[in-house]
Protein backbone atom coordinates (compact mmCIF):
# COMPACT_ATOMS: atom_id res chain seq x y z
CA MET A 1 23.18 4.57 -1.99
CA PRO A 2 20.01 2.68 -1.00
CA VAL A 3 20.55 -0.55 0.91
CA LEU A 4 17.00 -1.89 0.76
CA GLY A 5 14.94 -2.15 -2.43
CA CYS A 6 11.22 -2.83 -2.10
CA ILE A 7 8.54 -3.79 -4.61
CA ALA A 8 4.94 -3.01 -3.56
CA ASP A 9 1.85 -4.19 -5.40
CA ASP A 10 -0.11 -0.95 -5.11
CA PHE A 11 0.37 2.70 -4.19
CA THR A 12 -1.08 2.66 -0.69
CA GLY A 13 0.83 -0.53 0.03
CA ALA A 14 4.01 1.28 -0.95
CA THR A 15 3.37 4.21 1.39
CA ASP A 16 2.25 1.78 4.09
CA LEU A 17 5.62 0.02 3.88
CA ALA A 18 7.53 3.29 3.59
CA THR A 19 5.81 4.56 6.75
CA ASN A 20 7.20 1.65 8.74
CA LEU A 21 10.65 2.02 7.20
CA VAL A 22 10.66 5.68 8.23
CA LEU A 23 9.72 4.61 11.78
CA ARG A 24 12.90 2.51 11.75
CA GLY A 25 14.86 5.66 10.88
CA LEU A 26 15.42 4.89 7.20
CA ARG A 27 15.16 7.84 4.82
CA THR A 28 12.64 6.38 2.40
CA VAL A 29 11.49 7.47 -1.05
CA VAL A 30 8.64 5.92 -3.00
CA ALA A 31 8.99 5.78 -6.78
CA LEU A 32 5.62 5.76 -8.48
CA GLY A 33 6.04 3.07 -11.09
CA VAL A 34 9.32 1.57 -12.27
CA PRO A 35 11.77 4.48 -11.97
CA GLU A 36 13.05 5.70 -15.31
CA PRO A 37 16.74 6.65 -15.60
CA ALA A 38 15.87 10.36 -15.28
CA VAL A 39 14.18 9.72 -11.92
CA ARG A 40 16.87 7.51 -10.41
CA PRO A 41 19.14 10.37 -9.24
CA LEU A 42 16.26 11.50 -7.00
CA LEU A 43 16.48 8.14 -5.22
CA ALA A 44 20.22 7.89 -4.77
CA ASP A 45 20.44 9.47 -1.29
CA ALA A 46 17.70 7.36 0.29
CA ASP A 47 18.35 4.47 2.67
CA ALA A 48 15.41 2.57 1.18
CA VAL A 49 13.52 2.84 -2.10
CA VAL A 50 10.01 1.47 -2.54
CA VAL A 51 8.72 0.97 -6.09
CA ALA A 52 4.94 1.34 -6.16
CA LEU A 53 3.34 -0.77 -8.86
CA LYS A 54 -0.32 -1.32 -9.76
CA SER A 55 0.08 -5.08 -9.88
CA ARG A 56 -2.25 -6.37 -7.16
CA THR A 57 -5.12 -7.07 -9.54
CA ALA A 58 -3.27 -6.81 -12.86
CA PRO A 59 -3.05 -9.85 -15.16
CA VAL A 60 -0.48 -12.27 -13.76
CA THR A 61 1.92 -11.90 -16.69
CA GLN A 62 1.85 -8.10 -16.37
CA ALA A 63 2.37 -8.23 -12.61
CA VAL A 64 5.41 -10.48 -13.04
CA GLU A 65 6.84 -8.38 -15.88
CA ASP A 66 6.47 -5.14 -13.90
CA SER A 67 7.99 -6.72 -10.78
CA ARG A 68 11.01 -7.98 -12.73
CA ALA A 69 11.48 -4.50 -14.20
CA ALA A 70 11.28 -2.96 -10.72
CA LEU A 71 13.88 -5.43 -9.44
CA THR A 72 16.22 -4.54 -12.30
CA ALA A 73 15.87 -0.82 -11.54
CA LEU A 74 16.50 -1.35 -7.83
CA ARG A 75 19.59 -3.43 -8.50
CA SER A 76 20.90 -0.67 -10.77
CA LEU A 77 20.59 1.74 -7.83
CA GLY A 78 22.88 -0.52 -5.80
CA CYS A 79 20.28 -2.12 -3.51
CA ALA A 80 21.72 -5.19 -1.80
CA ARG A 81 18.60 -6.63 -0.17
CA PHE A 82 14.99 -6.85 -1.34
CA TYR A 83 11.46 -6.88 0.04
CA VAL A 84 8.30 -7.87 -1.87
CA LYS A 85 5.32 -6.19 -0.21
CA TYR A 86 1.70 -7.32 -0.55
CA CYS A 87 -1.41 -6.57 1.48
CA SER A 88 -1.60 -7.78 5.08
CA THR A 89 -4.92 -9.45 4.18
CA PHE A 90 -3.11 -11.40 1.43
CA ASP A 91 -5.44 -10.02 -1.29
CA SER A 92 -5.13 -12.43 -4.19
CA THR A 93 -6.82 -15.12 -6.27
CA PRO A 94 -5.88 -18.78 -6.91
CA GLN A 95 -3.93 -17.56 -9.96
CA GLY A 96 -1.93 -14.88 -8.13
CA ASN A 97 -0.54 -12.38 -8.02
CA ILE A 98 1.45 -12.93 -4.84
CA GLY A 99 2.86 -16.35 -5.66
CA PRO A 100 3.97 -15.65 -9.25
CA VAL A 101 5.65 -12.37 -8.27
CA VAL A 102 7.51 -13.94 -5.34
CA ASP A 103 8.55 -16.84 -7.57
CA ALA A 104 9.92 -14.48 -10.22
CA VAL A 105 11.88 -12.28 -7.80
CA ALA A 106 13.24 -15.28 -5.87
CA GLU A 107 14.39 -16.85 -9.13
CA GLU A 108 16.15 -13.66 -10.25
CA LEU A 109 17.97 -13.43 -6.90
CA GLY A 110 18.74 -17.14 -6.63
CA ALA A 111 16.96 -17.31 -3.26
CA GLY A 112 16.64 -20.86 -1.93
CA VAL A 113 14.17 -19.78 0.73
CA THR A 114 12.21 -16.66 1.59
CA VAL A 115 9.72 -15.77 4.30
CA VAL A 116 6.03 -15.03 3.80
CA VAL A 117 4.90 -12.70 6.61
CA PRO A 118 1.57 -10.94 6.01
CA ALA A 119 1.16 -10.25 9.74
CA PHE A 120 0.84 -6.62 10.89
CA PRO A 121 -0.31 -6.83 14.53
CA ALA A 122 -0.53 -3.03 14.95
CA ALA A 123 -3.23 -3.07 12.26
CA GLY A 124 -4.94 -6.17 13.67
CA ARG A 125 -3.44 -8.74 11.28
CA THR A 126 -1.87 -11.78 12.91
CA VAL A 127 -0.90 -15.28 11.74
CA TYR A 128 -1.13 -18.39 13.91
CA GLN A 129 -0.52 -21.92 12.66
CA GLY A 130 -0.50 -20.42 9.19
CA HIS A 131 -4.01 -18.94 9.56
CA LEU A 132 -4.50 -15.22 9.01
CA PHE A 133 -6.66 -13.28 11.44
CA VAL A 134 -8.16 -9.81 11.01
CA GLY A 135 -8.71 -8.62 14.55
CA ASP A 136 -10.31 -11.57 16.34
CA GLN A 137 -11.82 -13.02 13.16
CA LEU A 138 -10.36 -15.47 10.72
CA LEU A 139 -9.75 -13.78 7.36
CA SER A 140 -12.53 -15.81 5.76
CA TYR A 141 -15.04 -14.44 8.29
CA SER A 142 -13.84 -10.84 8.08
CA PRO A 143 -15.19 -8.13 5.74
CA MET A 144 -12.50 -9.25 3.25
CA ARG A 145 -14.77 -12.20 2.46
CA HIS A 146 -16.89 -9.74 0.46
CA HIS A 147 -14.08 -7.85 -1.32
CA PRO A 148 -15.36 -7.08 -4.85
CA LEU A 149 -12.05 -7.93 -6.60
CA THR A 150 -10.29 -10.43 -4.33
CA PRO A 151 -12.83 -12.11 -2.01
CA MET A 152 -10.87 -14.00 0.63
CA LEU A 153 -12.76 -17.21 1.37
CA ASP A 154 -9.97 -19.13 3.11
CA SER A 155 -7.84 -18.16 6.12
CA SER A 156 -4.92 -20.53 5.60
CA VAL A 157 -2.02 -18.66 4.04
CA LEU A 158 -0.50 -21.99 3.02
CA ARG A 159 -3.65 -23.08 1.18
CA LEU A 160 -4.03 -19.65 -0.41
CA LEU A 161 -0.43 -19.55 -1.58
CA GLN A 162 0.19 -23.10 -2.80
CA PRO A 163 -2.01 -22.90 -5.95
CA GLN A 164 -0.23 -19.66 -6.93
CA THR A 165 3.35 -20.88 -6.77
CA ARG A 166 5.45 -23.51 -8.48
CA ASN A 167 7.57 -23.78 -5.33
CA ARG A 168 7.01 -25.60 -2.07
CA VAL A 169 5.20 -23.84 0.78
CA ALA A 170 6.14 -24.59 4.39
CA LEU A 171 5.22 -23.31 7.85
CA VAL A 172 7.50 -21.89 10.53
CA PRO A 173 5.14 -22.06 13.51
CA ALA A 174 4.86 -19.77 16.50
CA ALA A 175 6.65 -22.34 18.68
CA VAL A 176 9.82 -21.83 16.62
CA VAL A 177 9.44 -18.03 16.51
CA ARG A 178 8.99 -17.86 20.28
CA THR A 179 12.23 -19.80 20.72
CA GLY A 180 14.13 -16.89 19.17
CA ALA A 181 15.90 -15.56 16.10
CA ASP A 182 18.56 -18.29 16.09
CA ALA A 183 15.84 -20.95 15.91
CA VAL A 184 14.12 -19.12 13.05
CA ARG A 185 17.40 -18.84 11.17
CA ALA A 186 18.20 -22.51 11.70
CA GLU A 187 14.78 -23.55 10.40
CA LEU A 188 15.11 -21.30 7.33
CA ASP A 189 18.58 -22.70 6.64
CA ARG A 190 17.21 -26.23 6.94
CA LEU A 191 14.48 -25.42 4.41
CA ALA A 192 16.99 -23.74 2.08
CA ALA A 193 19.09 -26.92 2.04
CA GLU A 194 16.21 -28.88 0.55
CA ASP A 195 15.64 -29.13 -3.18
CA GLY A 196 14.06 -26.14 -4.87
CA THR A 197 12.92 -22.83 -3.46
CA VAL A 198 10.77 -22.84 -0.34
CA LEU A 199 8.28 -20.13 0.60
CA ALA A 200 8.13 -20.21 4.40
CA VAL A 201 4.94 -18.85 5.96
CA VAL A 202 5.92 -17.59 9.43
CA ASP A 203 3.54 -17.14 12.36
CA ALA A 204 3.52 -13.74 14.08
CA LEU A 205 1.23 -12.62 16.89
CA ASP A 206 2.86 -9.38 18.02
CA ASP A 207 5.58 -6.89 17.14
CA GLY A 208 8.09 -8.89 19.17
CA ASP A 209 7.55 -11.82 16.81
CA LEU A 210 8.18 -9.53 13.84
CA CYS A 211 11.50 -8.45 15.35
CA VAL A 212 12.49 -12.09 15.85
CA ILE A 213 11.53 -12.98 12.27
CA ALA A 214 13.40 -9.97 10.87
CA GLU A 215 16.53 -10.89 12.79
CA GLY A 216 16.24 -14.57 11.91
CA SER A 217 15.85 -13.80 8.20
CA ALA A 218 18.45 -11.01 8.04
CA HIS A 219 20.82 -13.22 6.04
CA LEU A 220 18.30 -13.80 3.25
CA PRO A 221 18.55 -11.70 0.06
CA LEU A 222 14.74 -11.53 -0.14
CA VAL A 223 11.92 -11.22 2.35
CA THR A 224 8.22 -10.90 1.56
CA GLY A 225 5.20 -9.82 3.54
CA GLY A 226 2.90 -7.03 4.54
CA SER A 227 4.43 -3.85 5.87
CA GLY A 228 4.57 -5.11 9.46
CA LEU A 229 7.81 -7.01 8.94
CA ALA A 230 9.57 -3.70 8.28
CA LEU A 231 9.05 -2.76 11.94
CA GLY A 232 11.63 -5.37 12.88
CA LEU A 233 14.28 -4.44 10.33
CA PRO A 234 17.59 -3.06 11.60
CA THR A 235 18.15 0.68 11.67
CA PRO A 236 20.60 2.04 9.09
CA PRO A 237 24.35 2.02 9.74
CA GLY A 238 25.16 4.94 12.02
CA GLY A 239 21.70 4.89 13.58
CA PRO A 240 18.31 6.31 12.59
CA SER A 241 18.35 9.39 10.38
CA PRO A 242 17.15 12.42 12.40
CA ASP A 243 15.33 13.88 9.38
CA ALA A 244 13.65 10.65 8.23
CA ARG A 245 10.15 11.92 9.12
CA VAL A 246 10.54 15.51 7.91
CA ILE A 247 8.68 16.61 4.77
CA GLU A 248 7.79 19.93 3.21
CA VAL A 249 4.36 21.13 4.33
CA VAL A 250 2.71 23.00 1.46
CA PRO A 251 -0.09 25.48 2.25
CA GLY A 252 -3.22 25.27 0.15
CA SER A 253 -6.77 23.99 0.20
CA ARG A 254 -7.55 20.42 1.30
CA ALA A 255 -9.52 17.56 -0.22
CA VAL A 256 -10.46 13.97 0.63
CA LEU A 257 -10.98 11.74 -2.41
CA SER A 258 -12.38 8.30 -1.56
CA GLY A 259 -12.86 5.47 -4.03
CA SER A 260 -12.56 2.54 -1.63
CA ALA A 261 -15.47 0.24 -0.80
CA SER A 262 -13.81 -1.31 2.26
CA ALA A 263 -15.63 -1.46 5.59
CA ALA A 264 -13.09 0.85 7.28
CA THR A 265 -13.38 3.49 4.58
CA ARG A 266 -17.17 3.34 4.55
CA ALA A 267 -17.10 4.12 8.28
CA GLN A 268 -14.68 6.98 7.62
CA VAL A 269 -17.00 8.32 4.93
CA ALA A 270 -19.94 8.24 7.35
CA HIS A 271 -17.91 10.12 9.96
CA GLY A 272 -16.62 12.59 7.37
CA LYS A 273 -20.12 13.36 6.14
CA ALA A 274 -21.06 14.44 9.66
CA HIS A 275 -18.17 16.93 9.85
CA LEU A 276 -17.16 18.00 6.32
CA PRO A 277 -18.85 19.40 3.22
CA TRP A 278 -19.35 16.40 0.94
CA GLU A 279 -20.46 15.25 -2.49
CA LYS A 280 -21.13 11.69 -3.57
CA LEU A 281 -20.14 10.76 -7.11
CA ASP A 282 -23.16 10.22 -9.36
CA VAL A 283 -22.14 7.38 -11.69
CA PRO A 284 -24.98 7.84 -14.25
CA ALA A 285 -24.21 11.56 -14.44
CA LEU A 286 -20.50 10.82 -14.85
CA ARG A 287 -21.24 8.37 -17.64
CA ALA A 288 -23.33 11.03 -19.37
CA ASP A 289 -20.89 13.95 -18.96
CA LEU A 290 -17.78 13.33 -16.87
CA PRO A 291 -16.06 16.66 -17.68
CA GLY A 292 -19.23 18.55 -16.81
CA GLU A 293 -19.57 16.75 -13.47
CA VAL A 294 -15.93 17.46 -12.62
CA ARG A 295 -16.47 21.15 -13.38
CA ARG A 296 -19.55 21.14 -11.14
CA LEU A 297 -17.65 19.45 -8.29
CA THR A 298 -14.75 21.87 -8.65
CA ALA A 299 -17.05 24.90 -8.51
CA TRP A 300 -18.73 23.46 -5.40
CA ALA A 301 -15.34 22.82 -3.76
CA GLN A 302 -14.14 26.35 -4.51
CA GLN A 303 -17.25 27.74 -2.86
CA CYS A 304 -16.57 25.61 0.24
CA TRP A 305 -12.95 26.76 0.40
CA ALA A 306 -14.00 30.39 0.00
CA GLU A 307 -16.10 30.00 3.16
CA ASP A 308 -13.37 28.18 5.13
CA PRO A 309 -9.96 27.77 3.42
CA SER A 310 -8.69 25.24 5.98
CA ARG A 311 -11.68 22.92 5.89
CA PRO A 312 -11.29 19.81 3.68
CA VAL A 313 -13.98 18.84 1.21
CA LEU A 314 -14.98 15.18 0.82
CA VAL A 315 -15.75 13.55 -2.53
CA TYR A 316 -16.55 9.86 -2.27
CA ALA A 317 -17.94 6.94 -4.29
CA VAL A 318 -19.20 4.36 -1.77
CA GLU A 319 -20.96 4.67 1.56
CA ASP A 320 -22.52 1.17 1.70
CA LEU A 321 -22.17 -2.02 -0.30
CA GLU A 322 -25.34 -1.27 -2.25
CA ASP A 323 -23.31 1.41 -4.04
CA VAL A 324 -21.00 -1.24 -5.53
CA GLU A 325 -22.16 -1.97 -9.07
CA HIS A 326 -21.71 -5.65 -9.88
CA GLU A 327 -22.81 -5.49 -13.50
CA PRO A 328 -22.80 -2.31 -15.64
CA PRO A 329 -25.69 -1.56 -18.00
CA ALA A 330 -25.29 -3.07 -21.45
CA GLY A 331 -22.53 -1.28 -23.35
CA ALA A 332 -21.62 0.96 -20.40
CA GLU A 333 -18.18 1.47 -18.89
CA PRO A 334 -17.88 -0.30 -15.50
CA ALA A 335 -18.65 1.97 -12.57
CA SER A 336 -15.26 1.30 -10.96
CA GLU A 337 -13.47 2.66 -14.03
CA VAL A 338 -15.78 5.68 -14.22
CA VAL A 339 -15.16 6.45 -10.54
CA GLU A 340 -11.38 6.19 -10.88
CA ARG A 341 -11.31 8.48 -13.91
CA ALA A 342 -13.57 10.98 -12.17
CA LEU A 343 -11.47 11.10 -8.99
CA GLY A 344 -8.31 11.51 -11.06
CA GLU A 345 -9.85 14.39 -12.96
CA CYS A 346 -11.12 15.92 -9.70
CA ALA A 347 -7.57 15.79 -8.33
CA ARG A 348 -6.23 17.52 -11.43
CA ALA A 349 -8.94 20.20 -11.36
CA PHE A 350 -8.70 20.75 -7.60
CA ALA A 351 -4.91 21.14 -7.86
CA ALA A 352 -5.36 23.73 -10.61
CA ALA A 353 -7.72 25.54 -8.21
CA GLY A 354 -5.08 25.61 -5.45
CA THR A 355 -5.42 22.31 -3.56
CA ARG A 356 -2.05 21.20 -2.21
CA GLN A 357 -3.10 18.71 0.47
CA PHE A 358 -4.92 15.52 -0.53
CA LEU A 359 -6.03 12.54 1.52
CA VAL A 360 -6.84 9.65 -0.80
CA ALA A 361 -8.60 6.42 0.25
CA GLY A 362 -8.08 3.23 -1.74
CA GLY A 363 -5.13 1.69 -3.52
CA GLU A 364 -6.47 2.00 -7.05
CA THR A 365 -7.73 5.51 -6.35
CA SER A 366 -4.34 6.53 -4.98
CA GLY A 367 -2.60 5.31 -8.11
CA THR A 368 -5.04 7.21 -10.28
CA VAL A 369 -4.70 10.44 -8.27
CA VAL A 370 -0.91 10.53 -8.18
CA GLY A 371 -0.88 9.78 -11.90
CA ALA A 372 -3.31 12.61 -12.58
CA LEU A 373 -1.16 14.98 -10.52
CA GLY A 374 1.97 13.92 -12.40
CA VAL A 375 3.74 12.93 -9.18
CA ARG A 376 6.94 10.93 -9.76
CA THR A 377 8.34 10.38 -6.26
CA LEU A 378 7.10 10.57 -2.67
CA ALA A 379 9.27 11.49 0.31
CA VAL A 380 7.46 9.81 3.21
CA GLY A 381 7.10 11.68 6.49
CA PRO A 382 4.98 11.69 9.67
CA GLN A 383 2.76 8.75 10.47
CA ILE A 384 -0.98 9.32 10.82
CA ALA A 385 -1.81 5.76 11.91
CA PRO A 386 -0.17 2.35 11.45
CA GLY A 387 0.51 1.96 7.73
CA PHE A 388 -0.73 5.46 6.88
CA ALA A 389 1.46 8.60 6.60
CA TRP A 390 1.85 11.97 4.95
CA ALA A 391 4.28 12.28 2.07
CA ALA A 392 5.55 15.12 -0.09
CA GLY A 393 5.08 14.35 -3.77
CA ALA A 394 6.67 16.43 -6.52
CA ASP A 395 5.18 16.62 -10.01
CA THR A 396 7.08 17.04 -13.26
CA ALA A 397 6.93 20.85 -12.99
CA GLY A 398 8.36 20.83 -9.47
CA THR A 399 5.05 21.56 -7.74
CA VAL A 400 4.85 19.77 -4.40
CA HIS A 401 1.66 18.25 -2.99
CA ASP A 402 1.21 16.82 0.50
CA LEU A 403 -0.42 13.42 0.04
CA ALA A 404 -1.81 10.86 2.47
CA LEU A 405 -2.48 7.67 0.49
CA LYS A 406 -4.59 5.34 2.60
CA SER A 407 -5.28 1.67 2.05
CA GLY A 408 -9.01 1.11 2.19
CA ASN A 409 -8.74 -1.00 5.34
CA PHE A 410 -6.51 1.35 7.37
CA GLY A 411 -7.01 4.35 9.61
CA ALA A 412 -9.28 5.36 12.49
CA VAL A 413 -12.91 6.22 11.88
CA ASP A 414 -12.12 9.95 12.16
CA ALA A 415 -9.12 9.84 9.79
CA PHE A 416 -10.70 12.17 7.23
CA THR A 417 -11.06 14.93 9.81
CA THR A 418 -8.01 14.46 12.06
CA ALA A 419 -5.20 13.44 9.67
CA TRP A 420 -4.46 17.09 8.86
CA GLU A 421 -3.23 17.69 12.41
CA ASP A 422 -0.12 15.63 11.60
CA LEU A 423 0.97 18.24 9.03
CA ALA A 424 1.35 20.90 11.72
């Protein structure tokens, strides 16, 4: 029976969190969407279950409704403790969705206080005096300032969160964290004794801080944060599972499908183009004849695989910010929607042609691809990089695909060419 139930706001965020849970020795399964009753038996033997939603940029009411449904499903599985996962760069708007989702889950669980810990030092995200840093830059000076959907123009997690929540926001500063887990627990208990629910933003500068925070908040029914906090969670009773990182490796052709416009992914695209056969999606051509373009891309990919079956092909949408369409032509479908549909259809067509190993860049793209493949659950396995791992995903017919679902901001510059080594 799972002990920990997690709700993630997008697909790559879910695998990001699951990767860190696996590192702690927890056998972890990701359910793609709120698990239906027929899927729940597949989750029963896991130590942790992560429900992957597409709620990061959904309307607030939909994000809250989906999160409540996920919580209900996790409670029905027997989960005793819960984790709301959002991006380590706190991707959101003044309306949400982080605050409203945390409010809803905290209310359902009767939580008087919960922690807010976006920090993930291994990926360069730290919080000091409530301010979020990306590497050595404040969030508001990082490439996230120019995110097309959630531009982050402030670095204060407290100021970002307060307009989104009906509850009080407080800070647990680094000075308390560095005093130790008992001090963190005492401060959280003090906040919980006050009227109403308190969302406590906690500073964290390194993995040691995450371990202190995890220990100091271990008595809470709910924690929230990026995936970094999972690195401090206790190992399962009886110790880490020896097979937590083992997945089925499925032979077949390989493909990289990239829909992300993030700076990290654009660098990975540039590196991939220098080493892999590639095609860039042509948005006007897709608008004119999407099925025809997918057939053309599939025929091209098959020719590449015929020449070298082990060499991945790269299909991507964005290589620089000039490729991001800010306003579609009159009456035209937005480019982002065209790209997502095209990459989903490419995944379906490539799978029919024998592709069994996919690396997918971008949260929205990952959700589209796993939906197109009919994948219902992901058993998460070996880590490629912090927050980025291979997983075995089974579709409704029992066909297994090896999938690496990468957040746009994660991974080394050579990820598209070297990630396959971790399947060996």
